[in-house]
Amino acid sequence: MRQGTFTVTENVPLTGTVYRLRLAGDTSAVTAPGQFANIALPGFYLRRPISVCDAEPGLLTLIYKTVGRGTEAMAAMTPGEPLDILTGLGNGFDTALAGERPLLLGGGIGSAPLVLLAKRLRAAGKAVSVVLGFNTKDEIFYEDEFRALGCAVTVATADGSCGVPGFVTDALPENYSFYYACGPEPMLRAVYDKAAGDGQLSFEARMGCGFGACMGCTRQTTAGPKRVCKDGPVFRKGEILWDA
């Protein structure tokens, strides 16, 4: 984990509620796709945890959805503003598990952390398939960016307005070596139940500290209680216990 000051270089809408925030600063603590950053916002007590979409030397990209006062304040930020950010949080996805034909499954804003994962897997020569799920075509973002990385991309929409009608589980390909999933918990449960083989799933949770001290984001696993912020947010399929 590293604490540092980042400077906003871009903050633009991708859809009506989803924004891309780019920040200049030290990204050396971001070591794995699927990690998150924790942003201190002026006037708010708790930091806002946001998954890392992409990280290059000196440039951090976050994609977030406006769902409350904190993210609405983020949407109003302009280039040049400084932000205090904790980076390198969470355990991230393990690319060593991918095999030759990994499958990436993203639901809504959960598609964002799959970008860096796709880049790493494509750089390793993997044949990457991506399934992106949204409620409607107006919510789709980054489809073209995944295609530009050389991924085979399928889009599913719950209302049938674009791509495969239904959810990501309605668009699963027949052959893949390992899957990685990120999205709302009902989607992750559906993927867990339907997707064949082994995988890793990235969970969302309300967090206090974001680095394991407060225990506020603990969930039960086969190995006992684990913290989503410190031991997760990514868990192996075999670790996961679901509430009844």
Protein backbone atom coordinates (compact mmCIF):
# COMPACT_ATOMS: atom_id res chain seq x y z
CA MET A 1 0.00 0.00 0.00
CA ARG A 2 1.22 3.49 -0.82
CA GLN A 3 -0.27 6.87 0.08
CA GLY A 4 0.35 9.70 -2.33
CA THR A 5 -0.98 12.81 -4.00
CA PHE A 6 -2.41 12.41 -7.49
CA THR A 7 -3.49 15.16 -9.85
CA VAL A 8 -6.65 14.92 -11.96
CA THR A 9 -5.80 15.02 -15.68
CA GLU A 10 -9.19 13.91 -17.05
CA ASN A 11 -12.68 13.31 -15.67
CA VAL A 12 -15.14 12.55 -18.45
CA PRO A 13 -18.52 10.77 -18.72
CA LEU A 14 -18.63 7.45 -20.59
CA THR A 15 -22.40 7.03 -20.09
CA GLY A 16 -25.06 8.98 -18.22
CA THR A 17 -23.76 7.74 -14.85
CA VAL A 18 -20.29 6.27 -15.50
CA TYR A 19 -17.13 8.40 -15.56
CA ARG A 20 -13.48 7.84 -16.40
CA LEU A 21 -11.03 9.53 -14.05
CA ARG A 22 -7.37 9.75 -15.03
CA LEU A 23 -4.77 10.87 -12.51
CA ALA A 24 -1.06 11.62 -12.65
CA GLY A 25 1.00 10.20 -9.81
CA ASP A 26 3.06 7.30 -8.49
CA THR A 27 1.45 4.02 -9.62
CA SER A 28 4.28 1.73 -8.52
CA ALA A 29 2.17 0.13 -5.76
CA VAL A 30 -0.33 -1.24 -8.31
CA THR A 31 1.10 -4.70 -8.86
CA ALA A 32 -1.90 -6.80 -9.96
CA PRO A 33 -5.09 -6.28 -11.97
CA GLY A 34 -8.13 -6.25 -9.71
CA GLN A 35 -6.58 -4.15 -6.95
CA PHE A 36 -8.30 -0.93 -5.89
CA ALA A 37 -7.53 2.62 -4.87
CA ASN A 38 -9.04 4.44 -1.88
CA ILE A 39 -9.70 8.14 -2.46
CA ALA A 40 -9.95 10.82 0.21
CA LEU A 41 -12.57 13.36 -0.83
CA PRO A 42 -12.69 16.82 0.79
CA GLY A 43 -15.68 17.05 3.11
CA PHE A 44 -16.22 13.29 3.45
CA TYR A 45 -15.08 11.23 6.42
CA LEU A 46 -14.55 7.86 4.70
CA ARG A 47 -12.46 7.27 1.62
CA ARG A 48 -14.11 5.96 -1.56
CA PRO A 49 -12.76 2.58 -2.79
CA ILE A 50 -12.60 2.41 -6.61
CA SER A 51 -11.25 -0.51 -8.64
CA VAL A 52 -8.22 0.21 -10.79
CA CYS A 53 -9.13 0.13 -14.47
CA ASP A 54 -5.62 0.66 -15.79
CA ALA A 55 -2.22 1.68 -14.49
CA GLU A 56 0.83 2.82 -16.42
CA PRO A 57 3.94 4.47 -15.00
CA GLY A 58 2.75 7.85 -13.77
CA LEU A 59 -0.88 7.44 -14.89
CA LEU A 60 -3.79 5.85 -13.02
CA THR A 61 -7.19 5.25 -14.65
CA LEU A 62 -10.31 4.70 -12.55
CA ILE A 63 -13.85 4.16 -13.80
CA TYR A 64 -16.67 4.88 -11.35
CA LYS A 65 -20.43 5.15 -11.27
CA THR A 66 -22.29 7.99 -9.56
CA VAL A 67 -24.40 6.31 -6.88
CA GLY A 68 -24.28 8.76 -3.96
CA ARG A 69 -22.95 12.07 -2.66
CA GLY A 70 -19.32 10.96 -2.73
CA THR A 71 -19.23 9.82 -6.33
CA GLU A 72 -21.35 12.81 -7.34
CA ALA A 73 -18.63 15.01 -5.82
CA MET A 74 -16.06 13.07 -7.82
CA ALA A 75 -17.99 13.75 -11.03
CA ALA A 76 -17.56 17.48 -10.42
CA MET A 77 -13.77 17.33 -10.18
CA THR A 78 -11.74 19.13 -12.84
CA PRO A 79 -8.20 18.75 -14.23
CA GLY A 80 -5.53 20.09 -11.92
CA GLU A 81 -7.24 19.14 -8.66
CA PRO A 82 -5.09 17.15 -6.19
CA LEU A 83 -6.35 14.01 -4.47
CA ASP A 84 -4.91 11.99 -1.60
CA ILE A 85 -5.11 8.34 -2.70
CA LEU A 86 -4.09 4.99 -1.24
CA THR A 87 -2.97 2.62 -4.01
CA GLY A 88 -1.97 -1.04 -4.16
CA LEU A 89 -4.90 -2.21 -2.02
CA GLY A 90 -6.33 -5.72 -2.25
CA ASN A 91 -4.92 -8.96 -3.63
CA GLY A 92 -6.01 -8.73 -7.29
CA PHE A 93 -6.43 -11.44 -9.93
CA ASP A 94 -3.85 -14.19 -10.37
CA THR A 95 -2.88 -14.30 -14.05
CA ALA A 96 -0.84 -17.49 -13.48
CA LEU A 97 -4.13 -19.41 -13.24
CA ALA A 98 -5.42 -18.32 -16.65
CA GLY A 99 -4.47 -21.21 -18.91
CA GLU A 100 -4.48 -20.54 -22.64
CA ARG A 101 -8.11 -19.44 -23.12
CA PRO A 102 -9.19 -17.33 -20.14
CA LEU A 103 -12.70 -15.90 -19.92
CA LEU A 104 -13.42 -12.48 -18.38
CA LEU A 105 -16.94 -11.74 -17.15
CA GLY A 106 -17.92 -8.19 -16.22
CA GLY A 107 -21.23 -6.87 -14.94
CA GLY A 108 -21.80 -3.12 -15.29
CA ILE A 109 -19.13 -1.11 -13.50
CA GLY A 110 -17.50 -4.45 -12.64
CA SER A 111 -16.16 -4.49 -16.19
CA ALA A 112 -13.65 -1.76 -15.33
CA PRO A 113 -10.97 -3.79 -13.46
CA LEU A 114 -10.98 -6.38 -16.25
CA VAL A 115 -9.21 -3.91 -18.56
CA LEU A 116 -5.82 -4.20 -16.89
CA LEU A 117 -6.36 -7.94 -16.54
CA ALA A 118 -7.06 -8.26 -20.27
CA LYS A 119 -3.94 -6.23 -21.07
CA ARG A 120 -1.75 -8.47 -18.92
CA LEU A 121 -3.24 -11.67 -20.35
CA ARG A 122 -2.96 -10.50 -23.95
CA ALA A 123 0.65 -9.46 -23.35
CA ALA A 124 1.27 -13.04 -22.21
CA GLY A 125 -0.15 -14.35 -25.48
CA LYS A 126 -3.45 -15.66 -24.11
CA ALA A 127 -6.57 -15.97 -26.27
CA VAL A 128 -8.91 -13.84 -24.14
CA SER A 129 -12.71 -13.91 -24.36
CA VAL A 130 -14.71 -11.16 -22.66
CA VAL A 131 -18.43 -11.10 -21.84
CA LEU A 132 -19.78 -7.73 -20.70
CA GLY A 133 -23.23 -7.48 -19.13
CA PHE A 134 -25.33 -4.32 -18.83
CA ASN A 135 -28.98 -3.49 -18.18
CA THR A 136 -29.43 -1.64 -21.47
CA LYS A 137 -27.40 -0.49 -24.49
CA ASP A 138 -27.18 3.05 -23.06
CA GLU A 139 -25.04 1.72 -20.21
CA ILE A 140 -22.42 -0.02 -22.37
CA PHE A 141 -18.85 1.24 -22.06
CA TYR A 142 -15.38 0.03 -23.11
CA GLU A 143 -16.60 -2.61 -25.57
CA ASP A 144 -14.32 -1.16 -28.25
CA GLU A 145 -11.39 -0.87 -25.84
CA PHE A 146 -11.50 -4.61 -25.13
CA ARG A 147 -11.69 -5.35 -28.84
CA ALA A 148 -8.68 -3.09 -29.46
CA LEU A 149 -6.70 -5.27 -27.06
CA GLY A 150 -7.43 -8.28 -29.29
CA CYS A 151 -10.11 -9.84 -27.09
CA ALA A 152 -13.14 -11.69 -28.45
CA VAL A 153 -15.99 -9.59 -26.99
CA THR A 154 -19.65 -10.46 -26.41
CA VAL A 155 -22.15 -8.02 -24.93
CA ALA A 156 -25.32 -9.03 -23.12
CA THR A 157 -28.12 -6.67 -22.08
CA ALA A 158 -30.87 -7.49 -19.63
CA ASP A 159 -33.50 -5.71 -21.75
CA GLY A 160 -32.27 -7.22 -25.02
CA SER A 161 -31.49 -3.83 -26.56
CA CYS A 162 -27.98 -4.89 -27.67
CA GLY A 163 -26.13 -8.15 -28.12
CA VAL A 164 -27.29 -11.31 -26.37
CA PRO A 165 -30.60 -10.86 -24.52
CA GLY A 166 -30.15 -11.58 -20.83
CA PHE A 167 -27.17 -11.76 -18.51
CA VAL A 168 -23.49 -12.72 -18.78
CA THR A 169 -24.46 -16.28 -17.87
CA ASP A 170 -26.62 -16.38 -21.01
CA ALA A 171 -23.56 -15.63 -23.15
CA LEU A 172 -20.98 -18.04 -21.76
CA PRO A 173 -18.76 -19.54 -24.48
CA GLU A 174 -18.35 -23.30 -24.67
CA ASN A 175 -14.59 -23.49 -24.25
CA TYR A 176 -12.41 -21.62 -21.80
CA SER A 177 -9.60 -22.60 -19.46
CA PHE A 178 -10.36 -20.43 -16.41
CA TYR A 179 -12.71 -17.55 -15.67
CA TYR A 180 -12.41 -14.22 -13.91
CA ALA A 181 -15.57 -12.38 -12.86
CA CYS A 182 -16.34 -8.98 -11.38
CA GLY A 183 -19.74 -7.42 -10.81
CA PRO A 184 -22.65 -7.19 -8.38
CA GLU A 185 -23.05 -10.12 -6.02
CA PRO A 186 -26.19 -11.58 -7.67
CA MET A 187 -24.22 -11.80 -10.91
CA LEU A 188 -21.28 -13.45 -9.16
CA ARG A 189 -23.60 -16.01 -7.57
CA ALA A 190 -25.11 -16.80 -10.96
CA VAL A 191 -21.63 -17.19 -12.49
CA TYR A 192 -20.56 -19.41 -9.60
CA ASP A 193 -23.60 -21.64 -10.16
CA LYS A 194 -23.47 -21.84 -13.95
CA ALA A 195 -19.91 -21.38 -15.20
CA ALA A 196 -17.96 -24.60 -15.64
CA GLY A 197 -14.51 -25.12 -14.19
CA ASP A 198 -12.47 -23.02 -11.82
CA GLY A 199 -12.35 -19.26 -11.51
CA GLN A 200 -11.78 -16.16 -9.42
CA LEU A 201 -14.51 -13.73 -8.41
CA SER A 202 -14.05 -10.12 -7.29
CA PHE A 203 -16.50 -8.85 -4.66
CA GLU A 204 -17.73 -5.41 -3.76
CA ALA A 205 -18.21 -4.42 -0.12
CA ARG A 206 -18.75 -1.36 2.03
CA MET A 207 -15.40 -0.53 3.60
CA GLY A 208 -14.23 1.54 6.51
CA CYS A 209 -10.44 1.68 6.36
CA GLY A 210 -9.82 -0.22 3.11
CA PHE A 211 -6.65 -1.97 4.32
CA GLY A 212 -7.79 -4.56 6.86
CA ALA A 213 -7.68 -2.76 10.19
CA CYS A 214 -11.36 -2.24 10.97
CA MET A 215 -12.70 -5.68 9.91
CA GLY A 216 -15.84 -4.00 8.62
CA CYS A 217 -15.92 -5.83 5.28
CA THR A 218 -15.46 -9.40 6.57
CA ARG A 219 -17.20 -12.31 4.85
CA GLN A 220 -17.16 -16.01 5.60
CA THR A 221 -15.09 -18.38 3.46
CA THR A 222 -14.19 -22.07 3.64
CA ALA A 223 -11.04 -20.98 5.48
CA GLY A 224 -12.93 -18.83 7.97
CA PRO A 225 -13.67 -15.09 8.00
CA LYS A 226 -11.71 -13.01 5.49
CA ARG A 227 -11.62 -9.28 4.80
CA VAL A 228 -12.73 -8.19 1.33
CA CYS A 229 -10.33 -5.22 1.38
CA LYS A 230 -7.23 -7.11 2.56
CA ASP A 231 -7.71 -10.81 1.75
CA GLY A 232 -9.87 -9.97 -1.30
CA PRO A 233 -11.52 -8.42 -3.15
CA VAL A 234 -10.65 -11.42 -5.35
CA PHE A 235 -11.42 -14.92 -4.05
CA ARG A 236 -10.93 -18.33 -5.63
CA LYS A 237 -14.16 -20.13 -6.48
CA GLY A 238 -13.48 -22.91 -3.97
CA GLU A 239 -13.11 -20.42 -1.09
CA ILE A 240 -16.53 -18.86 -1.40
CA LEU A 241 -19.43 -19.50 0.98
CA TRP A 242 -22.77 -17.95 0.08
CA ASP A 243 -25.42 -16.77 2.49
CA ALA A 244 -28.47 -19.02 2.45
